[in-house]
């Protein structure tokens, strides 16, 4: 059974041990990179072309390395064929600075 996306008021939030990310994908970029926050989405650029979900697959592999998890630990909740995506990352070992900074700010103000 497909799980509906978690409604979050930011680009990232914890759901237990799982990090939920709202992503604005940019396929066909010069390099793979985690970019800046755009509203309630985190911009993630990948070099893969947006053909048959290949850019999303490439993004998942890139993010698995960035977060220190296996590819199978990242679930694409929605947006496999769209630039707007939601991902669930199970028990990430590493947090990129933009996410770590945001989450520590949430804890301080929450």
N, C-alpha and C. Protein backbone atom coordinates (compact mmCIF):
# COMPACT_ATOMS: atom_id res chain seq x y z
N UNK A 1 0.85 -1.18 0.00
CA UNK A 1 0.00 0.00 0.00
C UNK A 1 0.90 1.25 0.00
N UNK A 2 0.64 2.16 -0.89
CA UNK A 2 1.45 3.37 -1.00
C UNK A 2 1.16 4.30 0.18
N UNK A 3 2.20 4.89 0.69
CA UNK A 3 2.06 5.81 1.81
C UNK A 3 1.93 7.23 1.27
N UNK A 4 1.01 7.97 1.81
CA UNK A 4 0.86 9.37 1.42
C UNK A 4 2.02 10.17 1.98
N UNK A 5 2.32 11.28 1.34
CA UNK A 5 3.40 12.14 1.82
C UNK A 5 3.05 12.76 3.16
N UNK A 6 4.06 12.99 3.95
CA UNK A 6 3.90 13.64 5.24
C UNK A 6 3.83 15.14 5.00
N UNK A 7 2.79 15.79 5.51
CA UNK A 7 2.67 17.24 5.36
C UNK A 7 3.61 17.90 6.37
N UNK A 8 4.60 18.59 5.86
CA UNK A 8 5.54 19.28 6.74
C UNK A 8 5.60 20.74 6.31
N UNK A 9 5.84 21.62 7.28
CA UNK A 9 5.83 23.06 6.98
C UNK A 9 7.23 23.60 6.72
N UNK A 10 8.14 22.71 6.42
CA UNK A 10 9.51 23.07 6.12
C UNK A 10 10.02 22.11 5.06
N UNK A 11 11.28 22.24 4.68
CA UNK A 11 11.82 21.31 3.68
C UNK A 11 12.23 19.99 4.30
N UNK A 12 12.34 19.93 5.65
CA UNK A 12 12.73 18.67 6.28
C UNK A 12 12.10 18.55 7.66
N UNK A 13 11.90 17.32 8.07
CA UNK A 13 11.35 17.05 9.40
C UNK A 13 11.65 15.60 9.76
N UNK A 14 11.70 15.32 11.04
CA UNK A 14 11.87 13.95 11.51
C UNK A 14 10.52 13.29 11.66
N UNK A 15 10.45 12.04 11.26
CA UNK A 15 9.29 11.18 11.51
C UNK A 15 9.87 9.95 12.21
N UNK A 16 10.02 10.04 13.52
CA UNK A 16 10.73 9.00 14.26
C UNK A 16 12.21 9.07 13.90
N UNK A 17 12.77 7.95 13.44
CA UNK A 17 14.18 7.88 13.04
C UNK A 17 14.36 8.19 11.54
N UNK A 18 13.28 8.53 10.87
CA UNK A 18 13.31 8.77 9.43
C UNK A 18 13.27 10.27 9.15
N UNK A 19 14.18 10.73 8.30
CA UNK A 19 14.20 12.12 7.89
C UNK A 19 13.36 12.27 6.63
N UNK A 20 12.39 13.17 6.67
CA UNK A 20 11.53 13.43 5.52
C UNK A 20 12.01 14.72 4.87
N UNK A 21 12.25 14.66 3.55
CA UNK A 21 12.76 15.81 2.81
C UNK A 21 11.83 16.16 1.66
N UNK A 22 11.50 17.43 1.53
CA UNK A 22 10.83 17.92 0.33
C UNK A 22 11.91 18.48 -0.57
N UNK A 23 11.96 17.96 -1.79
CA UNK A 23 13.04 18.26 -2.73
C UNK A 23 12.51 18.99 -3.96
N UNK A 24 13.30 19.98 -4.41
CA UNK A 24 13.11 20.58 -5.72
C UNK A 24 14.30 20.10 -6.54
N UNK A 25 14.07 19.17 -7.43
CA UNK A 25 15.15 18.58 -8.22
C UNK A 25 15.52 19.43 -9.41
N UNK A 26 16.79 19.42 -9.75
CA UNK A 26 17.27 20.07 -10.97
C UNK A 26 18.09 19.05 -11.74
N UNK A 27 17.48 18.38 -12.72
CA UNK A 27 18.22 17.42 -13.53
C UNK A 27 19.09 18.13 -14.56
N UNK A 28 20.04 17.39 -15.12
CA UNK A 28 20.89 17.94 -16.17
C UNK A 28 21.83 19.03 -15.70
N UNK A 29 22.19 19.03 -14.43
CA UNK A 29 23.09 20.06 -13.89
C UNK A 29 24.55 19.73 -14.23
N UNK A 30 25.44 20.69 -14.01
CA UNK A 30 26.87 20.47 -14.27
C UNK A 30 27.48 19.51 -13.27
N UNK A 31 26.94 19.51 -12.03
CA UNK A 31 27.47 18.61 -11.00
C UNK A 31 26.36 18.24 -10.02
N UNK A 32 26.54 17.12 -9.34
CA UNK A 32 25.61 16.73 -8.28
C UNK A 32 25.88 17.62 -7.08
N UNK A 33 24.82 18.20 -6.52
CA UNK A 33 25.01 19.10 -5.38
C UNK A 33 23.72 19.28 -4.60
N UNK A 34 23.89 19.45 -3.29
CA UNK A 34 22.79 19.85 -2.43
C UNK A 34 22.87 21.37 -2.36
N UNK A 35 21.79 22.01 -2.77
CA UNK A 35 21.80 23.47 -2.87
C UNK A 35 21.13 24.15 -1.69
N UNK A 36 20.52 25.27 -1.98
CA UNK A 36 19.89 26.11 -0.96
C UNK A 36 18.42 25.75 -0.82
N UNK A 37 17.85 26.23 0.26
CA UNK A 37 16.42 26.05 0.51
C UNK A 37 15.65 27.05 -0.34
N UNK A 38 14.62 26.55 -1.01
CA UNK A 38 13.72 27.39 -1.82
C UNK A 38 12.32 27.20 -1.25
N UNK A 39 11.88 28.13 -0.41
CA UNK A 39 10.57 27.99 0.23
C UNK A 39 10.55 26.78 1.15
N UNK A 40 9.68 25.82 0.86
CA UNK A 40 9.60 24.61 1.69
C UNK A 40 10.22 23.40 0.99
N UNK A 41 11.21 23.68 0.12
CA UNK A 41 11.91 22.60 -0.59
C UNK A 41 13.41 22.86 -0.55
N UNK A 42 14.17 21.76 -0.59
CA UNK A 42 15.61 21.82 -0.68
C UNK A 42 16.00 21.53 -2.12
N UNK A 43 16.77 22.41 -2.72
CA UNK A 43 17.18 22.21 -4.11
C UNK A 43 18.31 21.19 -4.16
N UNK A 44 18.14 20.18 -4.99
CA UNK A 44 19.17 19.16 -5.20
C UNK A 44 19.37 19.04 -6.71
N UNK A 45 20.61 19.29 -7.15
CA UNK A 45 20.96 19.22 -8.56
C UNK A 45 21.67 17.91 -8.85
N UNK A 46 21.35 17.31 -9.98
CA UNK A 46 22.02 16.09 -10.41
C UNK A 46 22.37 16.18 -11.89
N UNK A 47 23.41 15.46 -12.28
CA UNK A 47 23.88 15.52 -13.66
C UNK A 47 23.03 14.69 -14.61
N UNK A 48 22.27 13.75 -14.09
CA UNK A 48 21.48 12.86 -14.95
C UNK A 48 20.35 13.61 -15.65
N UNK A 49 20.02 13.14 -16.86
CA UNK A 49 18.93 13.72 -17.64
C UNK A 49 17.59 13.21 -17.10
N UNK A 50 16.54 14.04 -17.23
CA UNK A 50 15.22 13.65 -16.73
C UNK A 50 14.50 12.71 -17.71
N UNK A 51 14.99 11.50 -17.81
CA UNK A 51 14.41 10.52 -18.74
C UNK A 51 14.01 9.28 -17.97
N UNK A 52 12.74 8.94 -17.98
CA UNK A 52 12.22 7.69 -17.39
C UNK A 52 12.63 7.51 -15.93
N UNK A 53 12.68 8.59 -15.16
CA UNK A 53 13.01 8.50 -13.75
C UNK A 53 14.49 8.34 -13.45
N UNK A 54 15.35 8.43 -14.48
CA UNK A 54 16.79 8.24 -14.26
C UNK A 54 17.38 9.32 -13.36
N UNK A 55 16.91 10.55 -13.50
CA UNK A 55 17.44 11.63 -12.66
C UNK A 55 17.09 11.37 -11.19
N UNK A 56 15.90 10.88 -10.92
CA UNK A 56 15.51 10.57 -9.55
C UNK A 56 16.35 9.41 -9.01
N UNK A 57 16.55 8.38 -9.83
CA UNK A 57 17.39 7.25 -9.40
C UNK A 57 18.81 7.73 -9.08
N UNK A 58 19.34 8.60 -9.93
CA UNK A 58 20.68 9.15 -9.72
C UNK A 58 20.70 9.97 -8.43
N UNK A 59 19.65 10.78 -8.21
CA UNK A 59 19.56 11.60 -7.01
C UNK A 59 19.57 10.72 -5.75
N UNK A 60 18.83 9.62 -5.79
CA UNK A 60 18.78 8.72 -4.63
C UNK A 60 20.17 8.15 -4.35
N UNK A 61 20.88 7.74 -5.39
CA UNK A 61 22.24 7.21 -5.20
C UNK A 61 23.17 8.28 -4.63
N UNK A 62 23.08 9.50 -5.16
CA UNK A 62 23.89 10.62 -4.67
C UNK A 62 23.57 10.92 -3.21
N UNK A 63 22.29 11.00 -2.87
CA UNK A 63 21.90 11.34 -1.51
C UNK A 63 22.23 10.21 -0.53
N UNK A 64 22.16 8.97 -0.98
CA UNK A 64 22.53 7.85 -0.11
C UNK A 64 23.98 8.02 0.36
N UNK A 65 24.84 8.40 -0.55
CA UNK A 65 26.25 8.63 -0.19
C UNK A 65 26.37 9.83 0.75
N UNK A 66 25.66 10.91 0.45
CA UNK A 66 25.73 12.12 1.28
C UNK A 66 25.24 11.88 2.70
N UNK A 67 24.21 11.06 2.84
CA UNK A 67 23.60 10.80 4.15
C UNK A 67 24.17 9.57 4.85
N UNK A 68 25.07 8.85 4.17
CA UNK A 68 25.69 7.68 4.77
C UNK A 68 24.75 6.52 4.97
N UNK A 69 23.85 6.31 4.00
CA UNK A 69 22.89 5.21 4.09
C UNK A 69 22.96 4.38 2.81
N UNK A 70 22.33 3.21 2.85
CA UNK A 70 22.20 2.39 1.65
C UNK A 70 21.11 2.98 0.77
N UNK A 71 21.23 2.74 -0.53
CA UNK A 71 20.22 3.22 -1.48
C UNK A 71 18.82 2.74 -1.06
N UNK A 72 18.73 1.52 -0.56
CA UNK A 72 17.44 0.96 -0.14
C UNK A 72 16.85 1.65 1.08
N UNK A 73 17.64 2.48 1.77
CA UNK A 73 17.15 3.21 2.93
C UNK A 73 16.47 4.52 2.55
N UNK A 74 16.44 4.83 1.25
CA UNK A 74 15.77 6.05 0.78
C UNK A 74 14.56 5.65 -0.03
N UNK A 75 13.41 6.17 0.39
CA UNK A 75 12.15 5.89 -0.30
C UNK A 75 11.67 7.18 -0.99
N UNK A 76 11.32 7.07 -2.26
CA UNK A 76 10.71 8.19 -2.97
C UNK A 76 9.20 8.09 -2.72
N UNK A 77 8.68 8.98 -1.87
CA UNK A 77 7.27 8.95 -1.51
C UNK A 77 6.43 9.39 -2.70
N UNK A 78 6.81 10.51 -3.31
CA UNK A 78 6.16 10.97 -4.54
C UNK A 78 7.15 11.80 -5.34
N UNK A 79 6.87 11.96 -6.62
CA UNK A 79 7.68 12.81 -7.48
C UNK A 79 8.76 12.11 -8.27
N UNK A 80 8.64 10.80 -8.45
CA UNK A 80 9.68 10.07 -9.19
C UNK A 80 9.89 10.65 -10.59
N UNK A 81 8.81 11.11 -11.23
CA UNK A 81 8.90 11.67 -12.59
C UNK A 81 8.62 13.17 -12.59
N UNK A 82 8.94 13.85 -11.47
CA UNK A 82 8.63 15.26 -11.33
C UNK A 82 9.78 15.93 -10.57
N UNK A 83 9.96 17.22 -10.74
CA UNK A 83 11.01 17.92 -10.00
C UNK A 83 10.64 18.09 -8.53
N UNK A 84 9.35 18.06 -8.21
CA UNK A 84 8.89 18.18 -6.82
C UNK A 84 8.76 16.79 -6.24
N UNK A 85 9.53 16.51 -5.18
CA UNK A 85 9.61 15.17 -4.62
C UNK A 85 9.54 15.22 -3.11
N UNK A 86 9.16 14.08 -2.54
CA UNK A 86 9.35 13.89 -1.11
C UNK A 86 10.09 12.58 -0.93
N UNK A 87 11.17 12.62 -0.14
CA UNK A 87 11.97 11.45 0.14
C UNK A 87 11.93 11.16 1.64
N UNK A 88 12.03 9.88 1.96
CA UNK A 88 12.16 9.43 3.36
C UNK A 88 13.49 8.71 3.46
N UNK A 89 14.35 9.19 4.37
CA UNK A 89 15.68 8.62 4.55
C UNK A 89 15.74 7.98 5.93
N UNK A 90 15.86 6.66 5.93
CA UNK A 90 15.84 5.89 7.18
C UNK A 90 17.18 5.99 7.90
N UNK A 91 17.14 6.48 9.13
CA UNK A 91 18.31 6.55 10.03
C UNK A 91 19.57 7.09 9.37
N UNK A 92 19.54 8.34 8.87
CA UNK A 92 20.75 8.88 8.23
C UNK A 92 21.90 8.99 9.22
N UNK A 93 23.09 8.62 8.77
CA UNK A 93 24.29 8.71 9.61
C UNK A 93 24.95 10.08 9.51
N UNK A 94 24.83 10.73 8.36
CA UNK A 94 25.40 12.06 8.14
C UNK A 94 24.26 13.01 7.77
N UNK A 95 24.38 14.25 8.21
CA UNK A 95 23.43 15.28 7.80
C UNK A 95 24.22 16.41 7.13
N UNK A 96 23.92 16.70 5.85
CA UNK A 96 24.56 17.85 5.21
C UNK A 96 24.30 19.11 6.02
N UNK A 97 25.22 20.07 5.97
CA UNK A 97 25.17 21.24 6.84
C UNK A 97 23.86 22.02 6.75
N UNK A 98 23.29 22.17 5.56
CA UNK A 98 22.04 22.94 5.43
C UNK A 98 20.93 22.28 6.25
N UNK A 99 20.91 20.97 6.31
CA UNK A 99 19.90 20.25 7.07
C UNK A 99 20.23 20.28 8.55
N UNK A 100 21.47 20.02 8.89
CA UNK A 100 21.91 20.03 10.30
C UNK A 100 21.63 21.40 10.91
N UNK A 101 21.96 22.48 10.19
CA UNK A 101 21.73 23.84 10.69
C UNK A 101 20.25 24.11 10.89
N UNK A 102 19.44 23.68 9.95
CA UNK A 102 17.99 23.92 10.05
C UNK A 102 17.41 23.16 11.23
N UNK A 103 17.78 21.89 11.37
CA UNK A 103 17.21 21.07 12.44
C UNK A 103 17.68 21.56 13.82
N UNK A 104 18.91 22.01 13.94
CA UNK A 104 19.38 22.51 15.24
C UNK A 104 18.66 23.82 15.57
N UNK A 105 18.37 24.64 14.57
CA UNK A 105 17.60 25.86 14.78
C UNK A 105 16.18 25.54 15.22
N UNK A 106 15.57 24.50 14.60
CA UNK A 106 14.22 24.07 14.99
C UNK A 106 14.18 23.66 16.45
N UNK A 107 15.20 22.92 16.89
CA UNK A 107 15.26 22.46 18.27
C UNK A 107 15.37 23.65 19.22
N UNK A 108 16.19 24.64 18.86
CA UNK A 108 16.41 25.80 19.72
C UNK A 108 15.15 26.67 19.81
N UNK A 109 14.41 26.80 18.72
CA UNK A 109 13.22 27.68 18.73
C UNK A 109 11.94 26.91 19.03
N UNK A 110 11.99 25.56 18.95
CA UNK A 110 10.79 24.75 19.15
C UNK A 110 10.50 24.51 20.52
